[in-house]
PDB file of N, CA and C in Angstrom:
ATOM      1  N   UNK A   1       8.981 -26.181   6.902  1.00  0.00           N
ATOM      2  CA  UNK A   1       9.047 -24.717   6.533  1.00  0.00           C
ATOM      3  C   UNK A   1      10.063 -24.514   5.640  1.00  0.00           C
ATOM      4  N   UNK A   2       9.614 -23.631   4.430  1.00  0.00           N
ATOM      5  CA  UNK A   2      10.351 -23.857   2.849  1.00  0.00           C
ATOM      6  C   UNK A   2      12.005 -22.666   3.632  1.00  0.00           C
ATOM      7  N   UNK A   3      12.858 -23.151   2.918  1.00  0.00           N
ATOM      8  CA  UNK A   3      14.285 -22.220   3.392  1.00  0.00           C
ATOM      9  C   UNK A   3      14.530 -21.370   2.133  1.00  0.00           C
ATOM     10  N   UNK A   4      14.689 -20.244   2.426  1.00  0.00           N
ATOM     11  CA  UNK A   4      14.965 -19.094   1.553  1.00  0.00           C
ATOM     12  C   UNK A   4      16.399 -19.371   1.216  1.00  0.00           C
ATOM     13  N   UNK A   5      16.654 -19.584  -0.215  1.00  0.00           N
ATOM     14  CA  UNK A   5      17.937 -19.705  -0.735  1.00  0.00           C
ATOM     15  C   UNK A   5      18.321 -18.779  -1.579  1.00  0.00           C
ATOM     16  N   UNK A   6      19.835 -18.348  -2.012  1.00  0.00           N
ATOM     17  CA  UNK A   6      19.982 -17.659  -3.212  1.00  0.00           C
ATOM     18  C   UNK A   6      18.919 -17.803  -4.515  1.00  0.00           C
ATOM     19  N   UNK A   7      19.185 -18.751  -5.198  1.00  0.00           N
ATOM     20  CA  UNK A   7      18.150 -19.220  -6.115  1.00  0.00           C
ATOM     21  C   UNK A   7      16.624 -18.948  -6.057  1.00  0.00           C
ATOM     22  N   UNK A   8      15.849 -19.061  -4.496  1.00  0.00           N
ATOM     23  CA  UNK A   8      14.720 -18.820  -4.255  1.00  0.00           C
ATOM     24  C   UNK A   8      14.737 -17.551  -4.368  1.00  0.00           C
ATOM     25  N   UNK A   9      15.223 -16.685  -3.922  1.00  0.00           N
ATOM     26  CA  UNK A   9      15.260 -14.894  -3.496  1.00  0.00           C
ATOM     27  C   UNK A   9      15.321 -14.751  -4.978  1.00  0.00           C
ATOM     28  N   UNK A  10      16.519 -14.976  -5.843  1.00  0.00           N
ATOM     29  CA  UNK A  10      16.190 -14.703  -6.893  1.00  0.00           C
ATOM     30  C   UNK A  10      14.868 -14.823  -8.071  1.00  0.00           C
ATOM     31  N   UNK A  11      14.272 -16.112  -7.737  1.00  0.00           N
ATOM     32  CA  UNK A  11      13.163 -15.970  -8.085  1.00  0.00           C
ATOM     33  C   UNK A  11      12.287 -15.187  -7.650  1.00  0.00           C
ATOM     34  N   UNK A  12      12.131 -14.687  -6.567  1.00  0.00           N
ATOM     35  CA  UNK A  12      11.097 -13.744  -6.039  1.00  0.00           C
ATOM     36  C   UNK A  12      11.285 -12.583  -6.494  1.00  0.00           C
ATOM     37  N   UNK A  13      12.920 -12.086  -6.482  1.00  0.00           N
ATOM     38  CA  UNK A  13      13.189 -10.794  -7.265  1.00  0.00           C
ATOM     39  C   UNK A  13      12.783 -10.821  -8.670  1.00  0.00           C
ATOM     40  N   UNK A  14      12.871 -11.981  -9.157  1.00  0.00           N
ATOM     41  CA  UNK A  14      12.225 -11.840 -10.599  1.00  0.00           C
ATOM     42  C   UNK A  14      10.874 -11.627 -11.019  1.00  0.00           C
ATOM     43  N   UNK A  15      10.260 -12.537  -9.673  1.00  0.00           N
ATOM     44  CA  UNK A  15       8.715 -12.146  -9.957  1.00  0.00           C
ATOM     45  C   UNK A  15       7.985 -10.565  -9.870  1.00  0.00           C
ATOM     46  N   UNK A  16       9.100 -10.023  -8.734  1.00  0.00           N
ATOM     47  CA  UNK A  16       8.790  -8.732  -8.568  1.00  0.00           C
ATOM     48  C   UNK A  16       9.308  -7.676  -9.427  1.00  0.00           C
ATOM     49  N   UNK A  17      10.356  -7.891 -10.330  1.00  0.00           N
ATOM     50  CA  UNK A  17      10.913  -7.108 -11.360  1.00  0.00           C
ATOM     51  C   UNK A  17      11.800  -5.907 -10.443  1.00  0.00           C
ATOM     52  N   UNK A  18      12.654  -6.938  -9.496  1.00  0.00           N
ATOM     53  CA  UNK A  18      13.736  -6.302  -8.932  1.00  0.00           C
ATOM     54  C   UNK A  18      15.034  -6.659  -9.501  1.00  0.00           C
ATOM     55  N   UNK A  19      16.127  -5.595  -9.395  1.00  0.00           N
ATOM     56  CA  UNK A  19      17.026  -6.057  -9.929  1.00  0.00           C
ATOM     57  C   UNK A  19      18.076  -5.753  -8.786  1.00  0.00           C
ATOM     58  N   UNK A  20      18.441  -6.611  -7.737  1.00  0.00           N
ATOM     59  CA  UNK A  20      19.585  -7.000  -6.423  1.00  0.00           C
ATOM     60  C   UNK A  20      20.581  -6.953  -6.581  1.00  0.00           C
ATOM     61  N   UNK A  21      21.328  -6.389  -6.236  1.00  0.00           N
ATOM     62  CA  UNK A  21      23.240  -6.602  -5.752  1.00  0.00           C
ATOM     63  C   UNK A  21      23.296  -7.808  -5.157  1.00  0.00           C
ATOM     64  N   UNK A  22      24.116  -8.201  -5.301  1.00  0.00           N
ATOM     65  CA  UNK A  22      25.207  -9.500  -4.562  1.00  0.00           C
ATOM     66  C   UNK A  22      24.790  -8.939  -2.808  1.00  0.00           C
ATOM     67  N   UNK A  23      25.010  -7.939  -2.538  1.00  0.00           N
ATOM     68  CA  UNK A  23      24.961  -7.431  -1.240  1.00  0.00           C
ATOM     69  C   UNK A  23      23.657  -7.320  -0.868  1.00  0.00           C
ATOM     70  N   UNK A  24      22.674  -6.949  -1.193  1.00  0.00           N
ATOM     71  CA  UNK A  24      21.190  -7.170  -1.229  1.00  0.00           C
ATOM     72  C   UNK A  24      20.584  -8.595  -1.007  1.00  0.00           C
ATOM     73  N   UNK A  25      21.065  -9.303  -1.891  1.00  0.00           N
ATOM     74  CA  UNK A  25      20.642 -10.676  -1.827  1.00  0.00           C
ATOM     75  C   UNK A  25      20.848 -10.991  -0.965  1.00  0.00           C
ATOM     76  N   UNK A  26      21.816 -10.683   0.006  1.00  0.00           N
ATOM     77  CA  UNK A  26      22.791 -11.453   0.958  1.00  0.00           C
ATOM     78  C   UNK A  26      21.889 -11.246   2.312  1.00  0.00           C
ATOM     79  N   UNK A  27      21.273  -9.681   2.411  1.00  0.00           N
ATOM     80  CA  UNK A  27      20.614  -9.304   3.107  1.00  0.00           C
ATOM     81  C   UNK A  27      19.201  -9.577   3.287  1.00  0.00           C
ATOM     82  N   UNK A  28      18.802  -9.663   1.951  1.00  0.00           N
ATOM     83  CA  UNK A  28      17.095 -10.042   2.080  1.00  0.00           C
ATOM     84  C   UNK A  28      17.000 -11.553   2.251  1.00  0.00           C
ATOM     85  N   UNK A  29      18.265 -12.204   1.846  1.00  0.00           N
ATOM     86  CA  UNK A  29      17.729 -14.008   2.241  1.00  0.00           C
ATOM     87  C   UNK A  29      17.921 -14.408   3.803  1.00  0.00           C
ATOM     88  N   UNK A  30      18.711 -13.338   4.487  1.00  0.00           N
ATOM     89  CA  UNK A  30      18.920 -13.236   6.058  1.00  0.00           C
ATOM     90  C   UNK A  30      17.647 -12.540   6.402  1.00  0.00           C
ATOM     91  N   UNK A  31      17.065 -11.639   5.970  1.00  0.00           N
ATOM     92  CA  UNK A  31      15.856 -11.167   6.333  1.00  0.00           C
ATOM     93  C   UNK A  31      14.510 -12.017   6.202  1.00  0.00           C
ATOM     94  N   UNK A  32      14.463 -12.623   5.202  1.00  0.00           N
ATOM     95  CA  UNK A  32      13.319 -12.987   4.792  1.00  0.00           C
ATOM     96  C   UNK A  32      13.240 -14.930   5.438  1.00  0.00           C
ATOM     97  N   UNK A  33      14.663 -15.373   6.063  1.00  0.00           N
ATOM     98  CA  UNK A  33      14.676 -16.229   6.627  1.00  0.00           C
ATOM     99  C   UNK A  33      14.222 -16.164   8.307  1.00  0.00           C
ATOM    100  N   UNK A  34      14.713 -14.891   8.745  1.00  0.00           N
ATOM    101  CA  UNK A  34      14.280 -14.465  10.043  1.00  0.00           C
ATOM    102  C   UNK A  34      12.447 -14.344  10.350  1.00  0.00           C
ATOM    103  N   UNK A  35      11.963 -13.708   8.885  1.00  0.00           N
ATOM    104  CA  UNK A  35      10.755 -13.607   8.820  1.00  0.00           C
ATOM    105  C   UNK A  35       9.692 -14.869   8.876  1.00  0.00           C
ATOM    106  N   UNK A  36      10.623 -15.579   8.216  1.00  0.00           N
ATOM    107  CA  UNK A  36      10.180 -17.209   8.032  1.00  0.00           C
ATOM    108  C   UNK A  36       9.984 -18.232   9.518  1.00  0.00           C
ATOM    109  N   UNK A  37      11.268 -17.719   9.774  1.00  0.00           N
ATOM    110  CA  UNK A  37      11.264 -18.056  11.416  1.00  0.00           C
ATOM    111  C   UNK A  37      10.565 -17.811  12.226  1.00  0.00           C
ATOM    112  N   UNK A  38      10.305 -16.451  11.976  1.00  0.00           N
ATOM    113  CA  UNK A  38       9.107 -15.283  13.054  1.00  0.00           C
ATOM    114  C   UNK A  38       7.550 -16.494  13.106  1.00  0.00           C
ATOM    115  N   UNK A  39       7.245 -16.771  11.483  1.00  0.00           N
ATOM    116  CA  UNK A  39       6.064 -17.524  11.301  1.00  0.00           C
ATOM    117  C   UNK A  39       6.007 -18.763  11.653  1.00  0.00           C
ATOM    118  N   UNK A  40       6.959 -19.404  11.873  1.00  0.00           N
ATOM    119  CA  UNK A  40       6.988 -20.777  11.995  1.00  0.00           C
ATOM    120  C   UNK A  40       6.445 -20.641  14.034  1.00  0.00           C
ATOM    121  N   UNK A  41       7.338 -19.680  14.390  1.00  0.00           N
ATOM    122  CA  UNK A  41       7.230 -19.970  15.720  1.00  0.00           C
ATOM    123  C   UNK A  41       5.572 -19.608  16.477  1.00  0.00           C
ATOM    124  N   UNK A  42       5.093 -18.925  15.222  1.00  0.00           N
ATOM    125  CA  UNK A  42       3.703 -18.395  15.612  1.00  0.00           C
ATOM    126  C   UNK A  42       2.764 -19.455  15.100  1.00  0.00           C
ATOM    127  N   UNK A  43       3.428 -20.378  14.149  1.00  0.00           N
ATOM    128  CA  UNK A  43       2.538 -21.552  14.096  1.00  0.00           C
ATOM    129  C   UNK A  43       2.551 -22.535  15.151  1.00  0.00           C
ATOM    130  N   UNK A  44       3.543 -22.693  16.169  1.00  0.00           N
ATOM    131  CA  UNK A  44       3.687 -23.738  17.342  1.00  0.00           C
ATOM    132  C   UNK A  44       2.764 -22.918  18.354  1.00  0.00           C
ATOM    133  N   UNK A  45       2.312 -21.536  18.544  1.00  0.00           N
ATOM    134  CA  UNK A  45       1.856 -21.221  19.522  1.00  0.00           C
ATOM    135  C   UNK A  45       0.202 -22.096  19.822  1.00  0.00           C
ATOM    136  N   UNK A  46      -0.276 -22.331  21.070  1.00  0.00           N
ATOM    137  CA  UNK A  46      -1.335 -23.308  21.410  1.00  0.00           C
ATOM    138  C   UNK A  46      -2.429 -22.321  20.914  1.00  0.00           C
ATOM    139  N   UNK A  47      -3.163 -22.225  19.975  1.00  0.00           N
ATOM    140  CA  UNK A  47      -4.698 -21.304  20.253  1.00  0.00           C
ATOM    141  C   UNK A  47      -6.037 -22.177  20.509  1.00  0.00           C
ATOM    142  N   UNK A  48      -6.083 -22.813  21.009  1.00  0.00           N
ATOM    143  CA  UNK A  48      -7.031 -23.888  21.380  1.00  0.00           C
ATOM    144  C   UNK A  48      -7.999 -23.241  21.937  1.00  0.00           C
ATOM    145  N   UNK A  49      -8.066 -22.596  22.858  1.00  0.00           N
ATOM    146  CA  UNK A  49      -8.947 -22.148  23.904  1.00  0.00           C
ATOM    147  C   UNK A  49      -9.388 -20.287  23.222  1.00  0.00           C
ATOM    148  N   UNK A  50      -8.399 -20.233  22.445  1.00  0.00           N
ATOM    149  CA  UNK A  50      -8.601 -18.708  22.312  1.00  0.00           C
ATOM    150  C   UNK A  50      -9.774 -18.090  20.890  1.00  0.00           C
ATOM    151  N   UNK A  51     -10.707 -17.451  21.512  1.00  0.00           N
ATOM    152  CA  UNK A  51     -11.776 -16.997  20.420  1.00  0.00           C
ATOM    153  C   UNK A  51     -11.393 -16.143  19.243  1.00  0.00           C
ATOM    154  N   UNK A  52     -11.857 -16.509  17.946  1.00  0.00           N
ATOM    155  CA  UNK A  52     -11.346 -15.795  16.867  1.00  0.00           C
ATOM    156  C   UNK A  52     -11.984 -14.488  16.951  1.00  0.00           C
ATOM    157  N   UNK A  53     -11.446 -13.537  16.363  1.00  0.00           N
ATOM    158  CA  UNK A  53     -11.584 -12.032  16.418  1.00  0.00           C
ATOM    159  C   UNK A  53     -12.345 -11.568  15.109  1.00  0.00           C
ATOM    160  N   UNK A  54     -13.452 -11.051  15.194  1.00  0.00           N
ATOM    161  CA  UNK A  54     -13.835 -10.191  14.066  1.00  0.00           C
ATOM    162  C   UNK A  54     -13.872  -8.914  13.545  1.00  0.00           C
ATOM    163  N   UNK A  55     -12.273  -8.386  14.196  1.00  0.00           N
ATOM    164  CA  UNK A  55     -11.698  -7.205  14.004  1.00  0.00           C
ATOM    165  C   UNK A  55     -10.713  -6.809  15.354  1.00  0.00           C
ATOM    166  N   UNK A  56     -10.105  -5.961  15.189  1.00  0.00           N
ATOM    167  CA  UNK A  56      -9.042  -5.541  16.258  1.00  0.00           C
ATOM    168  C   UNK A  56      -9.654  -4.645  17.227  1.00  0.00           C
ATOM    169  N   UNK A  57     -10.911  -4.227  17.018  1.00  0.00           N
ATOM    170  CA  UNK A  57     -11.422  -3.343  18.060  1.00  0.00           C
ATOM    171  C   UNK A  57     -12.689  -3.290  18.150  1.00  0.00           C
ATOM    172  N   UNK A  58     -13.257  -2.653  19.411  1.00  0.00           N
ATOM    173  CA  UNK A  58     -14.460  -2.400  19.554  1.00  0.00           C
ATOM    174  C   UNK A  58     -15.000  -1.219  18.666  1.00  0.00           C
ATOM    175  N   UNK A  59     -14.259  -0.467  17.947  1.00  0.00           N
ATOM    176  CA  UNK A  59     -14.806   0.993  17.204  1.00  0.00           C
ATOM    177  C   UNK A  59     -15.530   0.636  16.190  1.00  0.00           C
ATOM    178  N   UNK A  60     -16.603   1.484  15.893  1.00  0.00           N
ATOM    179  CA  UNK A  60     -17.457   1.186  15.104  1.00  0.00           C
ATOM    180  C   UNK A  60     -17.432   2.742  13.929  1.00  0.00           C
ATOM    181  N   UNK A  61     -17.858   2.796  12.671  1.00  0.00           N
ATOM    182  CA  UNK A  61     -17.793   3.421  11.856  1.00  0.00           C
ATOM    183  C   UNK A  61     -18.410   4.772  12.130  1.00  0.00           C
ATOM    184  N   UNK A  62     -18.326   5.843  11.862  1.00  0.00           N
ATOM    185  CA  UNK A  62     -18.733   7.042  12.343  1.00  0.00           C
ATOM    186  C   UNK A  62     -19.193   7.548  11.067  1.00  0.00           C
ATOM    187  N   UNK A  63     -20.538   7.435  10.498  1.00  0.00           N
ATOM    188  CA  UNK A  63     -21.094   8.020   9.418  1.00  0.00           C
ATOM    189  C   UNK A  63     -21.789   9.260   9.688  1.00  0.00           C
ATOM    190  N   UNK A  64     -22.095   9.950   8.389  1.00  0.00           N
ATOM    191  CA  UNK A  64     -22.773  11.129   8.435  1.00  0.00           C
ATOM    192  C   UNK A  64     -23.655  11.275   7.446  1.00  0.00           C
ATOM    193  N   UNK A  65     -24.871  11.848   7.501  1.00  0.00           N
ATOM    194  CA  UNK A  65     -25.623  11.905   6.155  1.00  0.00           C
ATOM    195  C   UNK A  65     -24.979  13.068   5.098  1.00  0.00           C
ATOM    196  N   UNK A  66     -25.454  12.266   3.914  1.00  0.00           N
ATOM    197  CA  UNK A  66     -24.696  13.126   2.525  1.00  0.00           C
ATOM    198  C   UNK A  66     -25.628  14.398   2.773  1.00  0.00           C
ATOM    199  N   UNK A  67     -24.781  15.693   2.701  1.00  0.00           N
ATOM    200  CA  UNK A  67     -25.738  16.798   2.286  1.00  0.00           C
ATOM    201  C   UNK A  67     -25.159  17.542   0.948  1.00  0.00           C
ATOM    202  N   UNK A  68     -26.263  18.349   0.268  1.00  0.00           N
ATOM    203  CA  UNK A  68     -25.713  18.740  -0.983  1.00  0.00           C
ATOM    204  C   UNK A  68     -25.342  20.310  -0.278  1.00  0.00           C
ATOM    205  N   UNK A  69     -24.465  20.512  -0.700  1.00  0.00           N
ATOM    206  CA  UNK A  69     -23.794  22.002  -0.196  1.00  0.00           C
ATOM    207  C   UNK A  69     -23.938  23.075  -1.635  1.00  0.00           C
ATOM    208  N   UNK A  70     -24.860  23.757  -1.275  1.00  0.00           N
ATOM    209  CA  UNK A  70     -25.319  24.903  -2.579  1.00  0.00           C
ATOM    210  C   UNK A  70     -24.272  25.806  -3.191  1.00  0.00           C
ATOM    211  N   UNK A  71     -23.563  26.253  -2.211  1.00  0.00           N
ATOM    212  CA  UNK A  71     -22.553  27.049  -2.809  1.00  0.00           C
ATOM    213  C   UNK A  71     -20.989  26.767  -2.654  1.00  0.00           C
ATOM    214  N   UNK A  72     -20.705  25.483  -2.812  1.00  0.00           N
ATOM    215  CA  UNK A  72     -19.586  24.886  -3.050  1.00  0.00           C
ATOM    216  C   UNK A  72     -18.589  25.180  -4.075  1.00  0.00           C
ATOM    217  N   UNK A  73     -19.605  25.131  -5.530  1.00  0.00           N
ATOM    218  CA  UNK A  73     -18.549  25.729  -6.912  1.00  0.00           C
ATOM    219  C   UNK A  73     -19.199  26.799  -7.399  1.00  0.00           C
ATOM    220  N   UNK A  74     -19.582  27.925  -6.255  1.00  0.00           N
ATOM    221  CA  UNK A  74     -19.651  29.337  -7.089  1.00  0.00           C
ATOM    222  C   UNK A  74     -18.389  29.776  -7.329  1.00  0.00           C
ATOM    223  N   UNK A  75     -17.226  29.352  -6.567  1.00  0.00           N
ATOM    224  CA  UNK A  75     -16.141  30.370  -6.934  1.00  0.00           C
ATOM    225  C   UNK A  75     -15.185  29.541  -7.947  1.00  0.00           C
ATOM    226  N   UNK A  76     -15.733  28.586  -8.440  1.00  0.00           N
ATOM    227  CA  UNK A  76     -15.016  27.698  -9.532  1.00  0.00           C
ATOM    228  C   UNK A  76     -14.143  28.525 -10.435  1.00  0.00           C
ATOM    229  N   UNK A  77     -14.997  29.730 -11.143  1.00  0.00           N
ATOM    230  CA  UNK A  77     -14.513  30.651 -12.342  1.00  0.00           C
ATOM    231  C   UNK A  77     -13.245  31.313 -11.743  1.00  0.00           C
ATOM    232  N   UNK A  78     -13.670  31.681 -10.448  1.00  0.00           N
ATOM    233  CA  UNK A  78     -11.951  32.157  -9.581  1.00  0.00           C
ATOM    234  C   UNK A  78     -11.315  31.320  -9.568  1.00  0.00           C
ATOM    235  N   UNK A  79     -11.105  30.468  -9.278  1.00  0.00           N
ATOM    236  CA  UNK A  79     -10.021  29.420  -9.188  1.00  0.00           C
ATOM    237  C   UNK A  79      -9.269  28.943 -10.360  1.00  0.00           C
ATOM    238  N   UNK A  80     -10.457  28.832 -11.278  1.00  0.00           N
ATOM    239  CA  UNK A  80      -9.811  28.412 -13.107  1.00  0.00           C
ATOM    240  C   UNK A  80      -9.082  29.629 -13.387  1.00  0.00           C
ATOM    241  N   UNK A  81      -9.384  30.919 -13.012  1.00  0.00           N
ATOM    242  CA  UNK A  81      -8.770  32.201 -13.520  1.00  0.00           C
ATOM    243  C   UNK A  81      -7.471  31.980 -12.675  1.00  0.00           C
ATOM    244  N   UNK A  82      -7.151  31.455 -11.636  1.00  0.00           N
ATOM    245  CA  UNK A  82      -5.794  31.547 -10.651  1.00  0.00           C
ATOM    246  C   UNK A  82      -4.854  30.482 -11.627  1.00  0.00           C
ATOM    247  N   UNK A  83      -5.297  29.518 -12.291  1.00  0.00           N
ATOM    248  CA  UNK A  83      -4.489  28.504 -12.608  1.00  0.00           C
ATOM    249  C   UNK A  83      -3.464  29.350 -13.776  1.00  0.00           C
ATOM    250  N   UNK A  84      -2.178  28.609 -13.990  1.00  0.00           N
ATOM    251  CA  UNK A  84      -1.150  29.494 -14.611  1.00  0.00           C
ATOM    252  C   UNK A  84      -1.564  28.816 -16.318  1.00  0.00           C
ATOM    253  N   UNK A  85      -1.684  27.635 -16.386  1.00  0.00           N
ATOM    254  CA  UNK A  85      -2.314  27.268 -18.058  1.00  0.00           C
ATOM    255  C   UNK A  85      -3.947  26.801 -17.903  1.00  0.00           C
ATOM    256  N   UNK A  86      -4.622  27.458 -18.678  1.00  0.00           N
ATOM    257  CA  UNK A  86      -6.039  27.395 -18.909  1.00  0.00           C
ATOM    258  C   UNK A  86      -6.443  27.086 -20.157  1.00  0.00           C
ATOM    259  N   UNK A  87      -7.789  26.662 -20.596  1.00  0.00           N
ATOM    260  CA  UNK A  87      -7.779  26.882 -21.970  1.00  0.00           C
ATOM    261  C   UNK A  87      -9.640  26.531 -21.910  1.00  0.00           C
ATOM    262  N   UNK A  88     -10.429  27.364 -22.430  1.00  0.00           N
ATOM    263  CA  UNK A  88     -11.903  27.035 -22.717  1.00  0.00           C
ATOM    264  C   UNK A  88     -12.337  26.810 -21.239  1.00  0.00           C
ATOM    265  N   UNK A  89     -11.939  27.207 -20.165  1.00  0.00           N
ATOM    266  CA  UNK A  89     -12.392  26.929 -19.069  1.00  0.00           C
ATOM    267  C   UNK A  89     -12.061  25.799 -18.068  1.00  0.00           C
ATOM    268  N   UNK A  90     -11.044  24.920 -18.879  1.00  0.00           N
ATOM    269  CA  UNK A  90     -10.179  24.005 -18.077  1.00  0.00           C
ATOM    270  C   UNK A  90      -9.037  24.380 -17.537  1.00  0.00           C
ATOM    271  N   UNK A  91      -8.245  23.633 -16.900  1.00  0.00           N
ATOM    272  CA  UNK A  91      -7.150  23.565 -16.553  1.00  0.00           C
ATOM    273  C   UNK A  91      -6.124  22.724 -17.213  1.00  0.00           C
ATOM    274  N   UNK A  92      -5.018  23.152 -17.923  1.00  0.00           N
ATOM    275  CA  UNK A  92      -3.854  22.816 -18.471  1.00  0.00           C
ATOM    276  C   UNK A  92      -2.933  21.962 -17.681  1.00  0.00           C
ATOM    277  N   UNK A  93      -2.892  20.775 -17.654  1.00  0.00           N
ATOM    278  CA  UNK A  93      -1.840  20.077 -16.967  1.00  0.00           C
ATOM    279  C   UNK A  93      -0.518  19.560 -17.718  1.00  0.00           C
ATOM    280  N   UNK A  94       0.796  19.185 -17.572  1.00  0.00           N
ATOM    281  CA  UNK A  94       1.508  18.389 -18.410  1.00  0.00           C
ATOM    282  C   UNK A  94       0.895  17.147 -18.546  1.00  0.00           C
ATOM    283  N   UNK A  95       1.194  16.525 -19.974  1.00  0.00           N
ATOM    284  CA  UNK A  95       0.501  15.582 -20.270  1.00  0.00           C
ATOM    285  C   UNK A  95       0.987  14.061 -19.336  1.00  0.00           C
ATOM    286  N   UNK A  96       0.574  13.391 -18.975  1.00  0.00           N
ATOM    287  CA  UNK A  96       0.419  12.110 -18.118  1.00  0.00           C
ATOM    288  C   UNK A  96       1.012  11.164 -18.867  1.00  0.00           C
ATOM    289  N   UNK A  97       0.889  10.709 -19.977  1.00  0.00           N
ATOM    290  CA  UNK A  97       1.616   9.859 -20.700  1.00  0.00           C
ATOM    291  C   UNK A  97       2.079  10.485 -21.924  1.00  0.00           C
ATOM    292  N   UNK A  98       3.313   9.981 -22.467  1.00  0.00           N
ATOM    293  CA  UNK A  98       3.498  10.410 -23.251  1.00  0.00           C
ATOM    294  C   UNK A  98       4.048   9.516 -24.537  1.00  0.00           C
TER     295      UNK A  98
END
């Protein structure tokens, strides 16, 4: 099992583009060690006679037929009229990218 030390944690933080304080580094090193230890315990379990699962439940998806709603957009003009900023029948919003 790999050990999480300060160097490996700093490498992971760099990959994730995280700036960690010294206190956070200590906390996360401890937390990650506990997580890896838990996975090591799971690896040691005897699963020889356990059937593989195809899913976690017996539930099936509930599907419906697609139906066209004839009157769905008849009030579109009323909706546009209520929007505070609009132009040429379109809704104006603040720029997403500047």
